[in-house]
Amino acid sequence: MDIEQRVNELEMRVAFQDDTIQSLNDALFEQQRQLEKLQMQIAALSKRQAEVSAHFGIEEDVTPPPHY
């Protein structure tokens, strides 16, 4: 194998690795965006639950009756 073939092979490997890294980066970015959206939704639901509980006078730490 001559030096030109080795360089070409290395360049192909680097190009493939660059593409793979970019794909992984894109996937990670999308997952982070989804995670942030879900965290905002959980916070909103938690706030809404607290408001509803306060409005109806529902206690959050109600122990079940002994027959359960």
PDB file of N, CA and C in Angstrom:
ATOM      1  N   MET A   1       0.855  -1.160   0.000  1.00  0.00           N
ATOM      2  CA  MET A   1       0.000   0.000   0.000  1.00  0.00           C
ATOM      3  C   MET A   1       0.910   1.234   0.000  1.00  0.00           C
ATOM      4  N   ASP A   2       0.685   2.085  -0.977  1.00  0.00           N
ATOM      5  CA  ASP A   2       1.543   3.270  -1.034  1.00  0.00           C
ATOM      6  C   ASP A   2       0.968   4.388  -0.174  1.00  0.00           C
ATOM      7  N   ILE A   3       1.722   5.433  -0.050  1.00  0.00           N
ATOM      8  CA  ILE A   3       1.378   6.529   0.853  1.00  0.00           C
ATOM      9  C   ILE A   3       0.104   7.237   0.412  1.00  0.00           C
ATOM     10  N   GLU A   4      -0.131   7.350  -0.886  1.00  0.00           N
ATOM     11  CA  GLU A   4      -1.333   8.029  -1.383  1.00  0.00           C
ATOM     12  C   GLU A   4      -2.595   7.255  -1.000  1.00  0.00           C
ATOM     13  N   GLN A   5      -2.554   5.951  -1.110  1.00  0.00           N
ATOM     14  CA  GLN A   5      -3.694   5.125  -0.720  1.00  0.00           C
ATOM     15  C   GLN A   5      -3.957   5.243   0.784  1.00  0.00           C
ATOM     16  N   ARG A   6      -2.908   5.245   1.559  1.00  0.00           N
ATOM     17  CA  ARG A   6      -3.061   5.364   3.012  1.00  0.00           C
ATOM     18  C   ARG A   6      -3.667   6.716   3.384  1.00  0.00           C
ATOM     19  N   VAL A   7      -3.219   7.772   2.726  1.00  0.00           N
ATOM     20  CA  VAL A   7      -3.761   9.104   2.996  1.00  0.00           C
ATOM     21  C   VAL A   7      -5.237   9.160   2.603  1.00  0.00           C
ATOM     22  N   ASN A   8      -5.572   8.594   1.441  1.00  0.00           N
ATOM     23  CA  ASN A   8      -6.966   8.574   1.001  1.00  0.00           C
ATOM     24  C   ASN A   8      -7.843   7.812   1.991  1.00  0.00           C
ATOM     25  N   GLU A   9      -7.353   6.684   2.463  1.00  0.00           N
ATOM     26  CA  GLU A   9      -8.111   5.891   3.427  1.00  0.00           C
ATOM     27  C   GLU A   9      -8.306   6.658   4.733  1.00  0.00           C
ATOM     28  N   LEU A  10      -7.252   7.302   5.183  1.00  0.00           N
ATOM     29  CA  LEU A  10      -7.364   8.094   6.412  1.00  0.00           C
ATOM     30  C   LEU A  10      -8.330   9.260   6.243  1.00  0.00           C
ATOM     31  N   GLU A  11      -8.295   9.903   5.075  1.00  0.00           N
ATOM     32  CA  GLU A  11      -9.218  11.008   4.813  1.00  0.00           C
ATOM     33  C   GLU A  11     -10.664  10.524   4.799  1.00  0.00           C
ATOM     34  N   MET A  12     -10.898   9.339   4.241  1.00  0.00           N
ATOM     35  CA  MET A  12     -12.252   8.783   4.236  1.00  0.00           C
ATOM     36  C   MET A  12     -12.705   8.482   5.664  1.00  0.00           C
ATOM     37  N   ARG A  13     -11.820   7.927   6.471  1.00  0.00           N
ATOM     38  CA  ARG A  13     -12.170   7.629   7.861  1.00  0.00           C
ATOM     39  C   ARG A  13     -12.491   8.906   8.636  1.00  0.00           C
ATOM     40  N   VAL A  14     -11.693   9.926   8.427  1.00  0.00           N
ATOM     41  CA  VAL A  14     -11.927  11.198   9.117  1.00  0.00           C
ATOM     42  C   VAL A  14     -13.267  11.783   8.671  1.00  0.00           C
ATOM     43  N   ALA A  15     -13.564  11.725   7.388  1.00  0.00           N
ATOM     44  CA  ALA A  15     -14.833  12.251   6.883  1.00  0.00           C
ATOM     45  C   ALA A  15     -16.002  11.481   7.491  1.00  0.00           C
ATOM     46  N   PHE A  16     -15.887  10.155   7.573  1.00  0.00           N
ATOM     47  CA  PHE A  16     -16.934   9.343   8.174  1.00  0.00           C
ATOM     48  C   PHE A  16     -17.100   9.686   9.656  1.00  0.00           C
ATOM     49  N   GLN A  17     -15.991   9.840  10.361  1.00  0.00           N
ATOM     50  CA  GLN A  17     -16.052  10.181  11.779  1.00  0.00           C
ATOM     51  C   GLN A  17     -16.661  11.570  11.988  1.00  0.00           C
ATOM     52  N   ASP A  18     -16.318  12.524  11.131  1.00  0.00           N
ATOM     53  CA  ASP A  18     -16.910  13.856  11.226  1.00  0.00           C
ATOM     54  C   ASP A  18     -18.423  13.792  11.038  1.00  0.00           C
ATOM     55  N   ASP A  19     -18.856  12.999  10.071  1.00  0.00           N
ATOM     56  CA  ASP A  19     -20.292  12.846   9.821  1.00  0.00           C
ATOM     57  C   ASP A  19     -20.978  12.194  11.017  1.00  0.00           C
ATOM     58  N   THR A  20     -20.351  11.180  11.579  1.00  0.00           N
ATOM     59  CA  THR A  20     -20.914  10.487  12.739  1.00  0.00           C
ATOM     60  C   THR A  20     -20.999  11.424  13.936  1.00  0.00           C
ATOM     61  N   ILE A  21     -19.962  12.192  14.168  1.00  0.00           N
ATOM     62  CA  ILE A  21     -19.953  13.148  15.288  1.00  0.00           C
ATOM     63  C   ILE A  21     -21.052  14.186  15.096  1.00  0.00           C
ATOM     64  N   GLN A  22     -21.234  14.677  13.892  1.00  0.00           N
ATOM     65  CA  GLN A  22     -22.280  15.668  13.628  1.00  0.00           C
ATOM     66  C   GLN A  22     -23.664  15.066  13.850  1.00  0.00           C
ATOM     67  N   SER A  23     -23.865  13.823  13.419  1.00  0.00           N
ATOM     68  CA  SER A  23     -25.150  13.156  13.637  1.00  0.00           C
ATOM     69  C   SER A  23     -25.434  12.979  15.127  1.00  0.00           C
ATOM     70  N   LEU A  24     -24.429  12.576  15.877  1.00  0.00           N
ATOM     71  CA  LEU A  24     -24.588  12.413  17.322  1.00  0.00           C
ATOM     72  C   LEU A  24     -24.858  13.756  17.996  1.00  0.00           C
ATOM     73  N   ASN A  25     -24.185  14.784  17.546  1.00  0.00           N
ATOM     74  CA  ASN A  25     -24.395  16.119  18.096  1.00  0.00           C
ATOM     75  C   ASN A  25     -25.827  16.591  17.830  1.00  0.00           C
ATOM     76  N   ASP A  26     -26.317  16.359  16.626  1.00  0.00           N
ATOM     77  CA  ASP A  26     -27.688  16.746  16.292  1.00  0.00           C
ATOM     78  C   ASP A  26     -28.694  15.994  17.165  1.00  0.00           C
ATOM     79  N   ALA A  27     -28.467  14.699  17.362  1.00  0.00           N
ATOM     80  CA  ALA A  27     -29.365  13.904  18.191  1.00  0.00           C
ATOM     81  C   ALA A  27     -29.333  14.385  19.636  1.00  0.00           C
ATOM     82  N   LEU A  28     -28.156  14.676  20.136  1.00  0.00           N
ATOM     83  CA  LEU A  28     -28.020  15.170  21.506  1.00  0.00           C
ATOM     84  C   LEU A  28     -28.716  16.516  21.678  1.00  0.00           C
ATOM     85  N   PHE A  29     -28.566  17.385  20.706  1.00  0.00           N
ATOM     86  CA  PHE A  29     -29.219  18.696  20.753  1.00  0.00           C
ATOM     87  C   PHE A  29     -30.733  18.533  20.787  1.00  0.00           C
ATOM     88  N   GLU A  30     -31.265  17.653  19.963  1.00  0.00           N
ATOM     89  CA  GLU A  30     -32.711  17.422  19.916  1.00  0.00           C
ATOM     90  C   GLU A  30     -33.206  16.835  21.241  1.00  0.00           C
ATOM     91  N   GLN A  31     -32.457  15.913  21.809  1.00  0.00           N
ATOM     92  CA  GLN A  31     -32.846  15.333  23.092  1.00  0.00           C
ATOM     93  C   GLN A  31     -32.827  16.392  24.200  1.00  0.00           C
ATOM     94  N   GLN A  32     -31.844  17.258  24.185  1.00  0.00           N
ATOM     95  CA  GLN A  32     -31.777  18.325  25.182  1.00  0.00           C
ATOM     96  C   GLN A  32     -32.965  19.265  25.045  1.00  0.00           C
ATOM     97  N   ARG A  33     -33.346  19.578  23.817  1.00  0.00           N
ATOM     98  CA  ARG A  33     -34.501  20.441  23.575  1.00  0.00           C
ATOM     99  C   ARG A  33     -35.778  19.780  24.103  1.00  0.00           C
ATOM    100  N   GLN A  34     -35.938  18.483  23.834  1.00  0.00           N
ATOM    101  CA  GLN A  34     -37.108  17.763  24.322  1.00  0.00           C
ATOM    102  C   GLN A  34     -37.116  17.686  25.851  1.00  0.00           C
ATOM    103  N   LEU A  35     -35.959  17.471  26.445  1.00  0.00           N
ATOM    104  CA  LEU A  35     -35.851  17.405  27.898  1.00  0.00           C
ATOM    105  C   LEU A  35     -36.260  18.723  28.538  1.00  0.00           C
ATOM    106  N   GLU A  36     -35.794  19.822  27.985  1.00  0.00           N
ATOM    107  CA  GLU A  36     -36.165  21.136  28.512  1.00  0.00           C
ATOM    108  C   GLU A  36     -37.662  21.379  28.385  1.00  0.00           C
ATOM    109  N   LYS A  37     -38.251  20.956  27.267  1.00  0.00           N
ATOM    110  CA  LYS A  37     -39.691  21.103  27.070  1.00  0.00           C
ATOM    111  C   LYS A  37     -40.455  20.277  28.097  1.00  0.00           C
ATOM    112  N   LEU A  38     -40.019  19.041  28.334  1.00  0.00           N
ATOM    113  CA  LEU A  38     -40.681  18.194  29.315  1.00  0.00           C
ATOM    114  C   LEU A  38     -40.550  18.751  30.728  1.00  0.00           C
ATOM    115  N   GLN A  39     -39.390  19.318  31.041  1.00  0.00           N
ATOM    116  CA  GLN A  39     -39.205  19.915  32.362  1.00  0.00           C
ATOM    117  C   GLN A  39     -40.151  21.099  32.557  1.00  0.00           C
ATOM    118  N   MET A  40     -40.347  21.887  31.524  1.00  0.00           N
ATOM    119  CA  MET A  40     -41.275  23.015  31.611  1.00  0.00           C
ATOM    120  C   MET A  40     -42.709  22.517  31.792  1.00  0.00           C
ATOM    121  N   GLN A  41     -43.064  21.440  31.098  1.00  0.00           N
ATOM    122  CA  GLN A  41     -44.402  20.883  31.230  1.00  0.00           C
ATOM    123  C   GLN A  41     -44.626  20.327  32.635  1.00  0.00           C
ATOM    124  N   ILE A  42     -43.635  19.654  33.180  1.00  0.00           N
ATOM    125  CA  ILE A  42     -43.749  19.112  34.537  1.00  0.00           C
ATOM    126  C   ILE A  42     -43.905  20.240  35.544  1.00  0.00           C
ATOM    127  N   ALA A  43     -43.136  21.297  35.386  1.00  0.00           N
ATOM    128  CA  ALA A  43     -43.245  22.440  36.288  1.00  0.00           C
ATOM    129  C   ALA A  43     -44.639  23.062  36.202  1.00  0.00           C
ATOM    130  N   ALA A  44     -45.170  23.186  34.997  1.00  0.00           N
ATOM    131  CA  ALA A  44     -46.506  23.767  34.820  1.00  0.00           C
ATOM    132  C   ALA A  44     -47.568  22.863  35.446  1.00  0.00           C
ATOM    133  N   LEU A  45     -47.443  21.557  35.249  1.00  0.00           N
ATOM    134  CA  LEU A  45     -48.408  20.630  35.842  1.00  0.00           C
ATOM    135  C   LEU A  45     -48.326  20.631  37.365  1.00  0.00           C
ATOM    136  N   SER A  46     -47.121  20.713  37.886  1.00  0.00           N
ATOM    137  CA  SER A  46     -46.943  20.760  39.330  1.00  0.00           C
ATOM    138  C   SER A  46     -47.582  22.014  39.916  1.00  0.00           C
ATOM    139  N   LYS A  47     -47.374  23.128  39.245  1.00  0.00           N
ATOM    140  CA  LYS A  47     -47.969  24.391  39.691  1.00  0.00           C
ATOM    141  C   LYS A  47     -49.488  24.309  39.623  1.00  0.00           C
ATOM    142  N   ARG A  48     -49.995  23.733  38.549  1.00  0.00           N
ATOM    143  CA  ARG A  48     -51.451  23.610  38.391  1.00  0.00           C
ATOM    144  C   ARG A  48     -52.029  22.695  39.462  1.00  0.00           C
ATOM    145  N   GLN A  49     -51.344  21.599  39.769  1.00  0.00           N
ATOM    146  CA  GLN A  49     -51.813  20.688  40.805  1.00  0.00           C
ATOM    147  C   GLN A  49     -51.853  21.396  42.160  1.00  0.00           C
ATOM    148  N   ALA A  50     -50.824  22.183  42.450  1.00  0.00           N
ATOM    149  CA  ALA A  50     -50.801  22.921  43.713  1.00  0.00           C
ATOM    150  C   ALA A  50     -51.954  23.918  43.774  1.00  0.00           C
ATOM    151  N   GLU A  51     -52.245  24.582  42.654  1.00  0.00           N
ATOM    152  CA  GLU A  51     -53.348  25.539  42.621  1.00  0.00           C
ATOM    153  C   GLU A  51     -54.690  24.845  42.827  1.00  0.00           C
ATOM    154  N   VAL A  52     -54.872  23.715  42.164  1.00  0.00           N
ATOM    155  CA  VAL A  52     -56.127  22.969  42.302  1.00  0.00           C
ATOM    156  C   VAL A  52     -56.263  22.437  43.723  1.00  0.00           C
ATOM    157  N   SER A  53     -55.185  21.927  44.282  1.00  0.00           N
ATOM    158  CA  SER A  53     -55.217  21.413  45.655  1.00  0.00           C
ATOM    159  C   SER A  53     -55.564  22.524  46.631  1.00  0.00           C
ATOM    160  N   ALA A  54     -55.002  23.700  46.429  1.00  0.00           N
ATOM    161  CA  ALA A  54     -55.290  24.822  47.309  1.00  0.00           C
ATOM    162  C   ALA A  54     -56.732  25.300  47.141  1.00  0.00           C
ATOM    163  N   HIS A  55     -57.215  25.273  45.911  1.00  0.00           N
ATOM    164  CA  HIS A  55     -58.573  25.739  45.631  1.00  0.00           C
ATOM    165  C   HIS A  55     -59.618  24.831  46.275  1.00  0.00           C
ATOM    166  N   PHE A  56     -59.412  23.529  46.235  1.00  0.00           N
ATOM    167  CA  PHE A  56     -60.373  22.583  46.781  1.00  0.00           C
ATOM    168  C   PHE A  56     -60.025  22.146  48.201  1.00  0.00           C
ATOM    169  N   GLY A  57     -58.944  22.635  48.737  1.00  0.00           N
ATOM    170  CA  GLY A  57     -58.553  22.297  50.095  1.00  0.00           C
ATOM    171  C   GLY A  57     -58.102  20.851  50.244  1.00  0.00           C
ATOM    172  N   ILE A  58     -57.501  20.335  49.230  1.00  0.00           N
ATOM    173  CA  ILE A  58     -57.039  18.950  49.248  1.00  0.00           C
ATOM    174  C   ILE A  58     -55.663  18.901  49.896  1.00  0.00           C
ATOM    175  N   GLU A  59     -55.513  18.004  50.856  1.00  0.00           N
ATOM    176  CA  GLU A  59     -54.211  17.822  51.485  1.00  0.00           C
ATOM    177  C   GLU A  59     -53.399  16.838  50.647  1.00  0.00           C
ATOM    178  N   GLU A  60     -52.140  17.142  50.471  1.00  0.00           N
ATOM    179  CA  GLU A  60     -51.306  16.283  49.621  1.00  0.00           C
ATOM    180  C   GLU A  60     -50.853  15.019  50.342  1.00  0.00           C
ATOM    181  N   ASP A  61     -50.596  15.085  51.644  1.00  0.00           N
ATOM    182  CA  ASP A  61     -50.088  13.939  52.366  1.00  0.00           C
ATOM    183  C   ASP A  61     -51.170  13.291  53.213  1.00  0.00           C
ATOM    184  N   VAL A  62     -52.239  12.875  52.565  1.00  0.00           N
ATOM    185  CA  VAL A  62     -53.323  12.217  53.261  1.00  0.00           C
ATOM    186  C   VAL A  62     -52.973  10.742  53.366  1.00  0.00           C
ATOM    187  N   THR A  63     -52.976  10.226  54.578  1.00  0.00           N
ATOM    188  CA  THR A  63     -52.690   8.800  54.761  1.00  0.00           C
ATOM    189  C   THR A  63     -53.959   8.013  54.495  1.00  0.00           C
ATOM    190  N   PRO A  64     -53.835   6.849  53.888  1.00  0.00           N
ATOM    191  CA  PRO A  64     -55.010   6.045  53.594  1.00  0.00           C
ATOM    192  C   PRO A  64     -55.617   5.486  54.889  1.00  0.00           C
ATOM    193  N   PRO A  65     -56.896   5.194  54.875  1.00  0.00           N
ATOM    194  CA  PRO A  65     -57.537   4.609  56.048  1.00  0.00           C
ATOM    195  C   PRO A  65     -56.891   3.264  56.392  1.00  0.00           C
ATOM    196  N   PRO A  66     -57.043   2.824  57.638  1.00  0.00           N
ATOM    197  CA  PRO A  66     -56.378   1.600  58.060  1.00  0.00           C
ATOM    198  C   PRO A  66     -56.839   0.340  57.324  1.00  0.00           C
ATOM    199  N   HIS A  67     -58.000   0.361  56.725  1.00  0.00           N
ATOM    200  CA  HIS A  67     -58.495  -0.859  56.053  1.00  0.00           C
ATOM    201  C   HIS A  67     -57.836  -1.083  54.688  1.00  0.00           C
ATOM    202  N   TYR A  68     -56.964  -0.210  54.233  1.00  0.00           N
ATOM    203  CA  TYR A  68     -56.277  -0.426  52.963  1.00  0.00           C
ATOM    204  C   TYR A  68     -55.082  -1.297  53.142  1.00  0.00           C
TER     205      TYR A  68
END
